[in-house]
């Protein structure tokens, strides 16, 4: 059975090596930018 201090040391190294930077913006920031219905229709090929 592994000693708790050994497990903690290994776990801390794993977290340190796999941590990622966090973005300053929310994932859905684009959603509040408004919609251009005519542009959306053109992109979908349904008029506009």
PDB file of N, CA and C in Angstrom:
ATOM      1  N   UNK A   1       0.848  -1.177   0.000  1.00  0.00           N
ATOM      2  CA  UNK A   1       0.000   0.000   0.000  1.00  0.00           C
ATOM      3  C   UNK A   1       0.894   1.242   0.000  1.00  0.00           C
ATOM      4  N   UNK A   2       0.523   2.232  -0.796  1.00  0.00           N
ATOM      5  CA  UNK A   2       1.331   3.444  -0.960  1.00  0.00           C
ATOM      6  C   UNK A   2       1.142   4.386   0.231  1.00  0.00           C
ATOM      7  N   UNK A   3       2.234   4.959   0.680  1.00  0.00           N
ATOM      8  CA  UNK A   3       2.193   5.948   1.763  1.00  0.00           C
ATOM      9  C   UNK A   3       1.488   7.211   1.246  1.00  0.00           C
ATOM     10  N   UNK A   4       0.634   7.847   2.054  1.00  0.00           N
ATOM     11  CA  UNK A   4      -0.110   9.028   1.612  1.00  0.00           C
ATOM     12  C   UNK A   4       0.774  10.172   1.112  1.00  0.00           C
ATOM     13  N   UNK A   5       1.929  10.368   1.729  1.00  0.00           N
ATOM     14  CA  UNK A   5       2.810  11.454   1.279  1.00  0.00           C
ATOM     15  C   UNK A   5       3.356  11.175  -0.117  1.00  0.00           C
ATOM     16  N   UNK A   6       3.634   9.906  -0.419  1.00  0.00           N
ATOM     17  CA  UNK A   6       4.102   9.552  -1.761  1.00  0.00           C
ATOM     18  C   UNK A   6       2.990   9.807  -2.787  1.00  0.00           C
ATOM     19  N   UNK A   7       1.779   9.416  -2.450  1.00  0.00           N
ATOM     20  CA  UNK A   7       0.648   9.649  -3.347  1.00  0.00           C
ATOM     21  C   UNK A   7       0.397  11.131  -3.566  1.00  0.00           C
ATOM     22  N   UNK A   8       0.498  11.914  -2.508  1.00  0.00           N
ATOM     23  CA  UNK A   8       0.292  13.355  -2.623  1.00  0.00           C
ATOM     24  C   UNK A   8       1.361  13.988  -3.500  1.00  0.00           C
ATOM     25  N   UNK A   9       2.586  13.565  -3.342  1.00  0.00           N
ATOM     26  CA  UNK A   9       3.687  14.101  -4.143  1.00  0.00           C
ATOM     27  C   UNK A   9       3.462  13.777  -5.628  1.00  0.00           C
ATOM     28  N   UNK A  10       3.086  12.540  -5.910  1.00  0.00           N
ATOM     29  CA  UNK A  10       2.830  12.137  -7.296  1.00  0.00           C
ATOM     30  C   UNK A  10       1.617  12.872  -7.868  1.00  0.00           C
ATOM     31  N   UNK A  11       0.591  13.012  -7.054  1.00  0.00           N
ATOM     32  CA  UNK A  11      -0.607  13.713  -7.511  1.00  0.00           C
ATOM     33  C   UNK A  11      -0.330  15.179  -7.805  1.00  0.00           C
ATOM     34  N   UNK A  12       0.455  15.831  -6.954  1.00  0.00           N
ATOM     35  CA  UNK A  12       0.786  17.242  -7.161  1.00  0.00           C
ATOM     36  C   UNK A  12       1.572  17.415  -8.460  1.00  0.00           C
ATOM     37  N   UNK A  13       2.493  16.498  -8.739  1.00  0.00           N
ATOM     38  CA  UNK A  13       3.275  16.573  -9.981  1.00  0.00           C
ATOM     39  C   UNK A  13       2.361  16.390 -11.197  1.00  0.00           C
ATOM     40  N   UNK A  14       1.412  15.460 -11.109  1.00  0.00           N
ATOM     41  CA  UNK A  14       0.482  15.227 -12.210  1.00  0.00           C
ATOM     42  C   UNK A  14      -0.345  16.475 -12.492  1.00  0.00           C
ATOM     43  N   UNK A  15      -0.891  17.081 -11.449  1.00  0.00           N
ATOM     44  CA  UNK A  15      -1.698  18.293 -11.621  1.00  0.00           C
ATOM     45  C   UNK A  15      -0.852  19.407 -12.216  1.00  0.00           C
ATOM     46  N   UNK A  16       0.340  19.609 -11.702  1.00  0.00           N
ATOM     47  CA  UNK A  16       1.230  20.654 -12.202  1.00  0.00           C
ATOM     48  C   UNK A  16       1.521  20.453 -13.688  1.00  0.00           C
ATOM     49  N   UNK A  17       1.749  19.218 -14.100  1.00  0.00           N
ATOM     50  CA  UNK A  17       2.111  18.927 -15.489  1.00  0.00           C
ATOM     51  C   UNK A  17       0.929  18.972 -16.451  1.00  0.00           C
ATOM     52  N   UNK A  18      -0.297  18.911 -15.932  1.00  0.00           N
ATOM     53  CA  UNK A  18      -1.457  18.842 -16.813  1.00  0.00           C
ATOM     54  C   UNK A  18      -2.398  20.035 -16.699  1.00  0.00           C
ATOM     55  N   UNK A  19      -2.035  21.021 -15.919  1.00  0.00           N
ATOM     56  CA  UNK A  19      -2.913  22.177 -15.738  1.00  0.00           C
ATOM     57  C   UNK A  19      -2.913  23.011 -17.018  1.00  0.00           C
ATOM     58  N   UNK A  20      -4.052  23.597 -17.347  1.00  0.00           N
ATOM     59  CA  UNK A  20      -4.160  24.426 -18.539  1.00  0.00           C
ATOM     60  C   UNK A  20      -4.507  25.852 -18.137  1.00  0.00           C
ATOM     61  N   UNK A  21      -4.181  26.777 -19.031  1.00  0.00           N
ATOM     62  CA  UNK A  21      -4.536  28.170 -18.771  1.00  0.00           C
ATOM     63  C   UNK A  21      -6.038  28.341 -18.970  1.00  0.00           C
ATOM     64  N   UNK A  22      -6.632  29.191 -18.173  1.00  0.00           N
ATOM     65  CA  UNK A  22      -8.056  29.461 -18.256  1.00  0.00           C
ATOM     66  C   UNK A  22      -8.249  30.731 -19.071  1.00  0.00           C
ATOM     67  N   UNK A  23      -9.241  30.710 -19.960  1.00  0.00           N
ATOM     68  CA  UNK A  23      -9.518  31.873 -20.790  1.00  0.00           C
ATOM     69  C   UNK A  23     -10.130  33.004 -19.971  1.00  0.00           C
ATOM     70  N   UNK A  24      -9.948  34.211 -20.452  1.00  0.00           N
ATOM     71  CA  UNK A  24     -10.526  35.372 -19.773  1.00  0.00           C
ATOM     72  C   UNK A  24     -11.979  35.578 -20.174  1.00  0.00           C
ATOM     73  N   UNK A  25     -12.405  34.924 -21.254  1.00  0.00           N
ATOM     74  CA  UNK A  25     -13.766  35.096 -21.759  1.00  0.00           C
ATOM     75  C   UNK A  25     -14.580  33.836 -21.521  1.00  0.00           C
ATOM     76  N   UNK A  26     -15.886  34.017 -21.504  1.00  0.00           N
ATOM     77  CA  UNK A  26     -16.784  32.873 -21.396  1.00  0.00           C
ATOM     78  C   UNK A  26     -16.864  32.177 -22.755  1.00  0.00           C
ATOM     79  N   UNK A  27     -17.137  30.897 -22.737  1.00  0.00           N
ATOM     80  CA  UNK A  27     -17.229  30.123 -23.972  1.00  0.00           C
ATOM     81  C   UNK A  27     -18.275  30.700 -24.917  1.00  0.00           C
ATOM     82  N   UNK A  28     -19.380  31.184 -24.360  1.00  0.00           N
ATOM     83  CA  UNK A  28     -20.480  31.653 -25.194  1.00  0.00           C
ATOM     84  C   UNK A  28     -20.524  33.171 -25.341  1.00  0.00           C
ATOM     85  N   UNK A  29     -19.375  33.851 -25.273  1.00  0.00           N
ATOM     86  CA  UNK A  29     -19.340  35.301 -25.466  1.00  0.00           C
ATOM     87  C   UNK A  29     -19.920  35.709 -26.811  1.00  0.00           C
ATOM     88  N   UNK A  30     -19.746  34.873 -27.817  1.00  0.00           N
ATOM     89  CA  UNK A  30     -20.232  35.203 -29.151  1.00  0.00           C
ATOM     90  C   UNK A  30     -21.757  35.334 -29.200  1.00  0.00           C
ATOM     91  N   UNK A  31     -22.462  34.710 -28.284  1.00  0.00           N
ATOM     92  CA  UNK A  31     -23.919  34.655 -28.330  1.00  0.00           C
ATOM     93  C   UNK A  31     -24.562  36.028 -28.143  1.00  0.00           C
ATOM     94  N   UNK A  32     -23.897  36.923 -27.453  1.00  0.00           N
ATOM     95  CA  UNK A  32     -24.469  38.239 -27.199  1.00  0.00           C
ATOM     96  C   UNK A  32     -24.185  39.247 -28.296  1.00  0.00           C
ATOM     97  N   UNK A  33     -23.577  38.805 -29.395  1.00  0.00           N
ATOM     98  CA  UNK A  33     -23.168  39.741 -30.436  1.00  0.00           C
ATOM     99  C   UNK A  33     -24.304  40.113 -31.383  1.00  0.00           C
ATOM    100  N   UNK A  34     -25.463  39.519 -31.225  1.00  0.00           N
ATOM    101  CA  UNK A  34     -26.584  39.804 -32.112  1.00  0.00           C
ATOM    102  C   UNK A  34     -26.569  38.868 -33.300  1.00  0.00           C
ATOM    103  N   UNK A  35     -27.671  38.848 -34.020  1.00  0.00           N
ATOM    104  CA  UNK A  35     -27.785  37.961 -35.178  1.00  0.00           C
ATOM    105  C   UNK A  35     -28.026  38.782 -36.426  1.00  0.00           C
ATOM    106  N   UNK A  36     -27.419  38.380 -37.512  1.00  0.00           N
ATOM    107  CA  UNK A  36     -27.644  38.998 -38.811  1.00  0.00           C
ATOM    108  C   UNK A  36     -28.445  37.987 -39.625  1.00  0.00           C
ATOM    109  N   UNK A  37     -29.778  38.138 -39.582  1.00  0.00           N
ATOM    110  CA  UNK A  37     -30.644  37.159 -40.227  1.00  0.00           C
ATOM    111  C   UNK A  37     -30.363  37.026 -41.717  1.00  0.00           C
ATOM    112  N   UNK A  38     -30.102  38.142 -42.387  1.00  0.00           N
ATOM    113  CA  UNK A  38     -29.843  38.089 -43.830  1.00  0.00           C
ATOM    114  C   UNK A  38     -28.559  37.318 -44.121  1.00  0.00           C
ATOM    115  N   UNK A  39     -27.506  37.557 -43.343  1.00  0.00           N
ATOM    116  CA  UNK A  39     -26.244  36.853 -43.545  1.00  0.00           C
ATOM    117  C   UNK A  39     -26.421  35.353 -43.243  1.00  0.00           C
ATOM    118  N   UNK A  40     -27.168  35.033 -42.210  1.00  0.00           N
ATOM    119  CA  UNK A  40     -27.410  33.617 -41.877  1.00  0.00           C
ATOM    120  C   UNK A  40     -28.151  32.921 -43.005  1.00  0.00           C
ATOM    121  N   UNK A  41     -29.142  33.580 -43.576  1.00  0.00           N
ATOM    122  CA  UNK A  41     -29.897  32.988 -44.686  1.00  0.00           C
ATOM    123  C   UNK A  41     -28.992  32.780 -45.899  1.00  0.00           C
ATOM    124  N   UNK A  42     -28.135  33.757 -46.198  1.00  0.00           N
ATOM    125  CA  UNK A  42     -27.222  33.624 -47.337  1.00  0.00           C
ATOM    126  C   UNK A  42     -26.287  32.438 -47.116  1.00  0.00           C
ATOM    127  N   UNK A  43     -25.729  32.309 -45.924  1.00  0.00           N
ATOM    128  CA  UNK A  43     -24.809  31.199 -45.630  1.00  0.00           C
ATOM    129  C   UNK A  43     -25.486  29.847 -45.753  1.00  0.00           C
ATOM    130  N   UNK A  44     -26.789  29.814 -45.399  1.00  0.00           N
ATOM    131  CA  UNK A  44     -27.536  28.571 -45.485  1.00  0.00           C
ATOM    132  C   UNK A  44     -28.112  28.321 -46.871  1.00  0.00           C
ATOM    133  N   UNK A  45     -27.986  29.336 -47.751  1.00  0.00           N
ATOM    134  CA  UNK A  45     -28.494  29.194 -49.109  1.00  0.00           C
ATOM    135  C   UNK A  45     -30.008  29.220 -49.190  1.00  0.00           C
ATOM    136  N   UNK A  46     -30.646  29.962 -48.282  1.00  0.00           N
ATOM    137  CA  UNK A  46     -32.108  29.992 -48.284  1.00  0.00           C
ATOM    138  C   UNK A  46     -32.636  31.411 -48.507  1.00  0.00           C
ATOM    139  N   UNK A  47     -31.914  32.214 -49.280  1.00  0.00           N
ATOM    140  CA  UNK A  47     -32.386  33.558 -49.611  1.00  0.00           C
ATOM    141  C   UNK A  47     -31.757  34.626 -48.760  1.00  0.00           C
ATOM    142  N   UNK A  48     -32.313  35.793 -48.828  1.00  0.00           N
ATOM    143  CA  UNK A  48     -31.851  36.896 -48.005  1.00  0.00           C
ATOM    144  C   UNK A  48     -31.162  37.889 -48.792  1.00  0.00           C
TER     145      UNK A  48
END
